[in-house]
């Protein structure tokens, strides 16, 4: 889960695994795989950084099979 901030200043958490795309129109719009869209104050770079950190926390980026690494030991 990542924290983001609505345009009214209220923070909420979002499941990063369901994020399909992040766009800046100039407001940052996050589209989920369900089609739900959220407009947030956070920049696209901030959201992307939080997603990366979340993936590291759940060890999604440390699995050699996900990274495409050859037989690591």
Protein backbone atom coordinates (compact mmCIF):
# COMPACT_ATOMS: atom_id res chain seq x y z
CA UNK A 1 0.00 0.00 0.00
CA UNK A 2 1.15 3.53 -0.70
CA UNK A 3 -0.04 6.84 0.74
CA UNK A 4 -1.26 9.54 -1.62
CA UNK A 5 -3.03 12.86 -1.07
CA UNK A 6 -6.35 13.88 -2.59
CA UNK A 7 -6.78 17.39 -3.99
CA UNK A 8 -8.61 18.37 -0.76
CA UNK A 9 -5.50 17.48 1.27
CA UNK A 10 -6.82 14.21 2.74
CA UNK A 11 -4.37 11.30 2.69
CA UNK A 12 -5.45 7.79 1.80
CA UNK A 13 -3.75 4.50 1.00
CA UNK A 14 -3.89 2.78 -2.34
CA UNK A 15 -2.93 -0.78 -3.24
CA UNK A 16 0.03 -0.28 -5.57
CA UNK A 17 -0.48 -3.70 -7.17
CA UNK A 18 -3.67 -2.42 -8.85
CA UNK A 19 -2.12 0.68 -10.43
CA UNK A 20 -2.22 0.43 -14.21
CA UNK A 21 -0.95 3.89 -15.15
CA UNK A 22 0.03 7.28 -13.77
CA UNK A 23 -0.47 10.42 -15.86
CA UNK A 24 0.08 14.14 -15.36
CA UNK A 25 -2.53 16.43 -16.95
CA UNK A 26 -0.98 18.60 -15.03
CA UNK A 27 -2.70 17.03 -11.99
CA UNK A 28 -1.49 13.50 -11.32
CA UNK A 29 -4.13 10.94 -12.28
CA UNK A 30 -3.76 7.35 -11.12
CA UNK A 31 -5.75 4.73 -13.03
CA UNK A 32 -6.31 1.33 -11.45
CA UNK A 33 -6.76 -1.94 -13.30
CA UNK A 34 -10.46 -1.73 -12.35
CA UNK A 35 -10.81 1.53 -14.29
CA UNK A 36 -11.15 3.66 -11.15
CA UNK A 37 -9.27 6.97 -11.39
CA UNK A 38 -7.85 9.09 -8.58
CA UNK A 39 -6.56 12.63 -8.96
CA UNK A 40 -3.87 13.38 -6.37
CA UNK A 41 -1.58 16.22 -5.29
CA UNK A 42 1.51 14.01 -5.37
CA UNK A 43 3.68 14.20 -8.49
CA UNK A 44 3.95 11.21 -10.82
CA UNK A 45 7.60 10.83 -9.78
CA UNK A 46 6.65 10.74 -6.08
CA UNK A 47 3.99 8.09 -6.72
CA UNK A 48 6.39 6.03 -8.82
CA UNK A 49 9.02 6.23 -6.07
CA UNK A 50 6.48 5.04 -3.47
CA UNK A 51 5.43 2.16 -5.74
CA UNK A 52 9.07 1.09 -6.13
CA UNK A 53 9.61 1.21 -2.37
CA UNK A 54 6.43 -0.82 -1.82
CA UNK A 55 7.60 -3.47 -4.30
CA UNK A 56 10.92 -3.67 -2.45
CA UNK A 57 9.14 -4.02 0.91
CA UNK A 58 7.10 -6.97 -0.33
CA UNK A 59 10.21 -8.32 -2.05
CA UNK A 60 8.62 -8.24 -5.47
CA UNK A 61 11.77 -6.66 -6.95
CA UNK A 62 14.16 -8.95 -5.09
CA UNK A 63 12.86 -12.19 -6.59
CA UNK A 64 15.41 -13.22 -9.26
CA UNK A 65 12.68 -14.87 -11.33
CA UNK A 66 10.69 -11.62 -11.51
CA UNK A 67 13.82 -9.59 -12.33
CA UNK A 68 14.77 -12.02 -15.09
CA UNK A 69 18.11 -12.85 -13.52
CA UNK A 70 19.88 -16.01 -14.54
CA UNK A 71 20.28 -18.76 -11.91
CA UNK A 72 21.38 -16.59 -8.96
CA UNK A 73 22.56 -18.33 -5.84
